[in-house]
Amino acid sequence: MRTSEFTTAVTDEFGEAYGRVVTRDLVIAALGDRTADDALAGGVPPREVWLALCAAEGVPIERRHGVGLPEPRR
């Protein structure tokens, strides 16, 4: 997962406004008591941050994988 795919996944799951809030303000224990934004800035892979964010927010497992990917080319 790239950072751009992470951003798309967050927006798709949480909406643009709440997505910004949750990545900026929610401190996640699994990320070393950091926010998603801080973890990304600290070099944590986007996929790891995404999965930790999903677990913290109770996103169902079936919505955690494959999100954020661009539409396939035809």
N, C-alpha and C. Protein backbone atom coordinates (compact mmCIF):
# COMPACT_ATOMS: atom_id res chain seq x y z
N MET A 1 0.85 -1.17 0.00
CA MET A 1 0.00 0.00 0.00
C MET A 1 0.90 1.24 0.00
N ARG A 2 0.60 2.14 -0.90
CA ARG A 2 1.30 3.42 -0.95
C ARG A 2 0.56 4.44 -0.09
N THR A 3 1.23 5.53 0.20
CA THR A 3 0.60 6.58 1.01
C THR A 3 -0.65 7.12 0.32
N SER A 4 -0.61 7.26 -1.00
CA SER A 4 -1.79 7.74 -1.73
C SER A 4 -2.95 6.75 -1.61
N GLU A 5 -2.65 5.46 -1.61
CA GLU A 5 -3.69 4.44 -1.44
C GLU A 5 -4.24 4.48 -0.01
N PHE A 6 -3.36 4.74 0.96
CA PHE A 6 -3.80 4.90 2.35
C PHE A 6 -4.80 6.06 2.44
N THR A 7 -4.46 7.19 1.83
CA THR A 7 -5.33 8.36 1.87
C THR A 7 -6.67 8.06 1.22
N THR A 8 -6.66 7.37 0.10
CA THR A 8 -7.91 6.99 -0.58
C THR A 8 -8.73 6.06 0.31
N ALA A 9 -8.08 5.10 0.94
CA ALA A 9 -8.78 4.14 1.80
C ALA A 9 -9.42 4.86 2.98
N VAL A 10 -8.70 5.79 3.60
CA VAL A 10 -9.24 6.54 4.73
C VAL A 10 -10.45 7.35 4.30
N THR A 11 -10.34 8.03 3.17
CA THR A 11 -11.45 8.84 2.67
C THR A 11 -12.65 7.97 2.33
N ASP A 12 -12.41 6.83 1.68
CA ASP A 12 -13.51 5.93 1.32
C ASP A 12 -14.21 5.38 2.55
N GLU A 13 -13.45 5.05 3.58
CA GLU A 13 -14.03 4.43 4.77
C GLU A 13 -14.67 5.44 5.71
N PHE A 14 -14.02 6.58 5.93
CA PHE A 14 -14.45 7.51 6.97
C PHE A 14 -15.01 8.83 6.44
N GLY A 15 -14.86 9.08 5.14
CA GLY A 15 -15.25 10.37 4.59
C GLY A 15 -14.08 11.34 4.69
N GLU A 16 -14.14 12.38 3.89
CA GLU A 16 -13.00 13.30 3.82
C GLU A 16 -12.75 14.04 5.13
N ALA A 17 -13.80 14.63 5.70
CA ALA A 17 -13.62 15.44 6.91
C ALA A 17 -13.26 14.58 8.12
N TYR A 18 -14.04 13.52 8.38
CA TYR A 18 -13.74 12.68 9.54
C TYR A 18 -12.43 11.92 9.33
N GLY A 19 -12.11 11.57 8.11
CA GLY A 19 -10.85 10.89 7.82
C GLY A 19 -9.66 11.73 8.24
N ARG A 20 -9.71 13.03 7.96
CA ARG A 20 -8.63 13.93 8.38
C ARG A 20 -8.54 13.99 9.90
N VAL A 21 -9.69 14.04 10.56
CA VAL A 21 -9.71 14.11 12.02
C VAL A 21 -9.13 12.84 12.62
N VAL A 22 -9.57 11.69 12.13
CA VAL A 22 -9.15 10.43 12.73
C VAL A 22 -7.65 10.17 12.52
N THR A 23 -7.10 10.56 11.39
CA THR A 23 -5.67 10.33 11.19
C THR A 23 -4.82 11.34 11.96
N ARG A 24 -5.37 12.51 12.21
CA ARG A 24 -4.63 13.56 12.91
C ARG A 24 -4.75 13.47 14.43
N ASP A 25 -5.91 13.02 14.93
CA ASP A 25 -6.18 13.14 16.37
C ASP A 25 -6.26 11.83 17.15
N LEU A 26 -6.58 10.73 16.49
CA LEU A 26 -6.75 9.47 17.20
C LEU A 26 -5.39 8.85 17.51
N VAL A 27 -5.07 8.72 18.80
CA VAL A 27 -3.82 8.10 19.23
C VAL A 27 -4.06 6.59 19.31
N ILE A 28 -3.23 5.83 18.62
CA ILE A 28 -3.42 4.39 18.49
C ILE A 28 -2.28 3.66 19.20
N ALA A 29 -2.64 2.84 20.19
CA ALA A 29 -1.64 2.12 20.98
C ALA A 29 -0.77 1.22 20.11
N ALA A 30 -1.37 0.57 19.12
CA ALA A 30 -0.63 -0.35 18.25
C ALA A 30 0.43 0.36 17.41
N LEU A 31 0.34 1.67 17.34
CA LEU A 31 1.33 2.45 16.59
C LEU A 31 2.29 3.16 17.54
N GLY A 32 2.42 2.64 18.74
CA GLY A 32 3.33 3.23 19.71
C GLY A 32 2.77 4.51 20.31
N ASP A 33 1.47 4.53 20.53
CA ASP A 33 0.79 5.70 21.08
C ASP A 33 1.01 6.94 20.21
N ARG A 34 0.88 6.74 18.92
CA ARG A 34 0.99 7.83 17.95
C ARG A 34 -0.28 7.88 17.12
N THR A 35 -0.47 9.01 16.47
CA THR A 35 -1.56 9.12 15.51
C THR A 35 -1.12 8.46 14.21
N ALA A 36 -2.06 8.24 13.32
CA ALA A 36 -1.73 7.68 12.01
C ALA A 36 -0.79 8.61 11.26
N ASP A 37 -1.06 9.91 11.32
CA ASP A 37 -0.20 10.88 10.64
C ASP A 37 1.22 10.83 11.19
N ASP A 38 1.35 10.77 12.52
CA ASP A 38 2.68 10.71 13.13
C ASP A 38 3.40 9.42 12.78
N ALA A 39 2.67 8.32 12.75
CA ALA A 39 3.28 7.03 12.42
C ALA A 39 3.78 7.04 10.97
N LEU A 40 2.99 7.57 10.06
CA LEU A 40 3.42 7.66 8.67
C LEU A 40 4.66 8.54 8.54
N ALA A 41 4.65 9.67 9.23
CA ALA A 41 5.80 10.59 9.19
C ALA A 41 7.03 9.94 9.80
N GLY A 42 6.81 9.00 10.74
CA GLY A 42 7.92 8.31 11.38
C GLY A 42 8.40 7.09 10.62
N GLY A 43 7.83 6.84 9.46
CA GLY A 43 8.31 5.75 8.61
C GLY A 43 7.58 4.43 8.73
N VAL A 44 6.49 4.39 9.47
CA VAL A 44 5.71 3.15 9.57
C VAL A 44 5.03 2.94 8.22
N PRO A 45 5.10 1.72 7.67
CA PRO A 45 4.47 1.45 6.37
C PRO A 45 2.97 1.76 6.38
N PRO A 46 2.47 2.37 5.32
CA PRO A 46 1.05 2.73 5.25
C PRO A 46 0.10 1.56 5.51
N ARG A 47 0.42 0.35 5.02
CA ARG A 47 -0.45 -0.80 5.25
C ARG A 47 -0.57 -1.10 6.75
N GLU A 48 0.55 -1.02 7.47
CA GLU A 48 0.54 -1.26 8.91
C GLU A 48 -0.30 -0.20 9.63
N VAL A 49 -0.17 1.04 9.21
CA VAL A 49 -0.95 2.13 9.80
C VAL A 49 -2.43 1.93 9.50
N TRP A 50 -2.75 1.57 8.26
CA TRP A 50 -4.14 1.34 7.87
C TRP A 50 -4.77 0.24 8.72
N LEU A 51 -4.09 -0.87 8.87
CA LEU A 51 -4.66 -1.98 9.63
C LEU A 51 -4.82 -1.62 11.11
N ALA A 52 -3.87 -0.88 11.67
CA ALA A 52 -3.99 -0.44 13.07
C ALA A 52 -5.16 0.53 13.22
N LEU A 53 -5.32 1.43 12.27
CA LEU A 53 -6.43 2.37 12.30
C LEU A 53 -7.77 1.64 12.20
N CYS A 54 -7.83 0.67 11.31
CA CYS A 54 -9.06 -0.12 11.17
C CYS A 54 -9.41 -0.86 12.45
N ALA A 55 -8.41 -1.46 13.08
CA ALA A 55 -8.65 -2.18 14.33
C ALA A 55 -9.13 -1.23 15.42
N ALA A 56 -8.50 -0.07 15.51
CA ALA A 56 -8.87 0.91 16.54
C ALA A 56 -10.28 1.46 16.33
N GLU A 57 -10.70 1.58 15.08
CA GLU A 57 -12.01 2.14 14.76
C GLU A 57 -13.08 1.08 14.53
N GLY A 58 -12.72 -0.20 14.65
CA GLY A 58 -13.71 -1.26 14.50
C GLY A 58 -14.20 -1.48 13.08
N VAL A 59 -13.35 -1.19 12.10
CA VAL A 59 -13.73 -1.44 10.71
C VAL A 59 -13.79 -2.95 10.49
N PRO A 60 -14.89 -3.47 9.94
CA PRO A 60 -14.99 -4.91 9.71
C PRO A 60 -13.85 -5.42 8.83
N ILE A 61 -13.40 -6.63 9.11
CA ILE A 61 -12.27 -7.22 8.40
C ILE A 61 -12.49 -7.23 6.90
N GLU A 62 -13.70 -7.47 6.45
CA GLU A 62 -13.95 -7.55 5.01
C GLU A 62 -13.76 -6.20 4.30
N ARG A 63 -13.69 -5.10 5.05
CA ARG A 63 -13.46 -3.79 4.44
C ARG A 63 -12.02 -3.29 4.64
N ARG A 64 -11.15 -4.13 5.18
CA ARG A 64 -9.77 -3.70 5.46
C ARG A 64 -8.80 -4.00 4.32
N HIS A 65 -9.08 -4.96 3.49
CA HIS A 65 -8.11 -5.41 2.49
C HIS A 65 -8.56 -5.02 1.08
N GLY A 66 -7.62 -4.57 0.28
CA GLY A 66 -7.91 -4.23 -1.10
C GLY A 66 -8.46 -2.85 -1.32
N VAL A 67 -8.61 -2.08 -0.24
CA VAL A 67 -9.13 -0.73 -0.40
C VAL A 67 -8.01 0.22 -0.77
N GLY A 68 -8.38 1.31 -1.37
CA GLY A 68 -7.41 2.33 -1.72
C GLY A 68 -6.73 2.12 -3.05
N LEU A 69 -6.98 0.97 -3.66
CA LEU A 69 -6.35 0.69 -4.94
C LEU A 69 -7.07 1.45 -6.05
N PRO A 70 -6.32 1.93 -7.04
CA PRO A 70 -6.96 2.61 -8.16
C PRO A 70 -7.79 1.62 -8.97
N GLU A 71 -8.76 2.17 -9.68
CA GLU A 71 -9.59 1.33 -10.56
C GLU A 71 -8.69 0.71 -11.63
N PRO A 72 -8.92 -0.57 -11.97
CA PRO A 72 -8.10 -1.20 -13.02
C PRO A 72 -8.29 -0.49 -14.36
N ARG A 73 -7.21 -0.48 -15.12
CA ARG A 73 -7.29 0.10 -16.46
C ARG A 73 -7.98 -0.88 -17.39
N ARG A 74 -8.67 -0.34 -18.36
CA ARG A 74 -9.39 -1.21 -19.31
C ARG A 74 -8.64 -1.32 -20.59
